[in-house]
């Protein structure tokens, strides 16, 4: 069995993810220059944006809602207003 070797770049990226505020990490991955906000980072197989928080992938649309509005109320479905593609 082969172990996973972390490169210095990988280690630095993880360190920054742990020390950089979520809002800063999130908004640097959003292109808001047009009518639609475009997620420019990691996406799921279905094309949904995602960002890692404490090692777990969380939907970018959910994080955007919580950063802009607050906690998502139980039963509220957060979805995109416009599909791309």
Protein backbone atom coordinates (compact mmCIF):
# COMPACT_ATOMS: atom_id res chain seq x y z
CA UNK A 1 0.00 0.00 0.00
CA UNK A 2 1.38 3.38 -0.98
CA UNK A 3 1.03 6.39 1.31
CA UNK A 4 -0.11 9.78 0.08
CA UNK A 5 2.83 12.16 -0.15
CA UNK A 6 1.92 15.75 0.54
CA UNK A 7 3.86 18.33 -1.43
CA UNK A 8 4.91 21.64 0.14
CA UNK A 9 2.28 23.37 -2.05
CA UNK A 10 -0.45 21.03 -0.77
CA UNK A 11 0.58 21.60 2.84
CA UNK A 12 0.58 25.39 2.36
CA UNK A 13 -2.86 25.28 0.69
CA UNK A 14 -4.30 23.34 3.65
CA UNK A 15 -2.66 25.74 6.13
CA UNK A 16 -4.21 28.72 4.35
CA UNK A 17 -7.62 27.00 4.30
CA UNK A 18 -7.42 26.63 8.08
CA UNK A 19 -6.30 30.20 8.77
CA UNK A 20 -8.08 32.26 6.08
CA UNK A 21 -11.63 33.36 6.95
CA UNK A 22 -14.32 31.40 5.09
CA UNK A 23 -15.81 34.54 3.53
CA UNK A 24 -12.45 35.46 2.03
CA UNK A 25 -11.82 31.93 0.72
CA UNK A 26 -15.35 31.80 -0.69
CA UNK A 27 -15.57 35.16 -2.48
CA UNK A 28 -12.17 34.78 -4.17
CA UNK A 29 -13.71 31.82 -6.01
CA UNK A 30 -16.73 33.77 -7.34
CA UNK A 31 -16.76 35.71 -10.61
CA UNK A 32 -19.46 38.34 -10.05
CA UNK A 33 -18.52 40.45 -13.08
CA UNK A 34 -21.66 39.59 -15.10
CA UNK A 35 -25.37 39.18 -14.48
CA UNK A 36 -24.82 35.73 -12.96
CA UNK A 37 -22.28 34.83 -10.30
CA UNK A 38 -20.02 32.07 -11.62
CA UNK A 39 -18.29 29.62 -9.29
CA UNK A 40 -14.69 29.26 -10.51
CA UNK A 41 -13.43 26.48 -8.22
CA UNK A 42 -14.26 22.85 -7.44
CA UNK A 43 -17.54 21.39 -8.72
CA UNK A 44 -19.37 18.10 -8.20
CA UNK A 45 -19.98 15.56 -10.97
CA UNK A 46 -23.34 17.29 -11.50
CA UNK A 47 -21.68 20.68 -11.89
CA UNK A 48 -22.60 22.18 -8.51
CA UNK A 49 -19.96 24.41 -6.93
CA UNK A 50 -18.48 23.21 -3.66
CA UNK A 51 -16.02 24.43 -1.06
CA UNK A 52 -14.34 22.41 1.68
CA UNK A 53 -15.16 23.42 5.24
CA UNK A 54 -13.40 21.44 7.95
CA UNK A 55 -12.49 18.81 5.35
CA UNK A 56 -16.06 18.33 4.05
CA UNK A 57 -17.38 19.58 0.70
CA UNK A 58 -20.32 21.98 1.13
CA UNK A 59 -22.46 23.34 -1.71
CA UNK A 60 -21.32 26.81 -2.78
CA UNK A 61 -24.93 27.98 -3.12
CA UNK A 62 -25.59 27.03 0.51
CA UNK A 63 -22.47 28.83 1.73
CA UNK A 64 -23.39 31.93 -0.31
CA UNK A 65 -26.84 32.00 1.30
CA UNK A 66 -25.43 31.68 4.80
CA UNK A 67 -22.79 34.36 4.20
CA UNK A 68 -25.32 36.81 2.73
CA UNK A 69 -28.53 36.00 4.64
CA UNK A 70 -27.74 33.82 7.63
CA UNK A 71 -28.51 30.26 8.71
CA UNK A 72 -30.71 28.26 6.34
CA UNK A 73 -34.10 27.68 8.00
CA UNK A 74 -35.17 24.06 8.37
CA UNK A 75 -37.24 22.98 5.38
CA UNK A 76 -35.99 25.76 3.06
CA UNK A 77 -34.54 24.44 -0.20
CA UNK A 78 -31.64 26.51 -1.51
CA UNK A 79 -31.21 26.21 -5.28
CA UNK A 80 -29.82 28.15 -8.23
CA UNK A 81 -31.92 30.76 -9.97
CA UNK A 82 -30.25 30.13 -13.30
CA UNK A 83 -28.72 26.96 -14.68
CA UNK A 84 -25.63 27.21 -16.87
CA UNK A 85 -24.88 24.76 -19.63
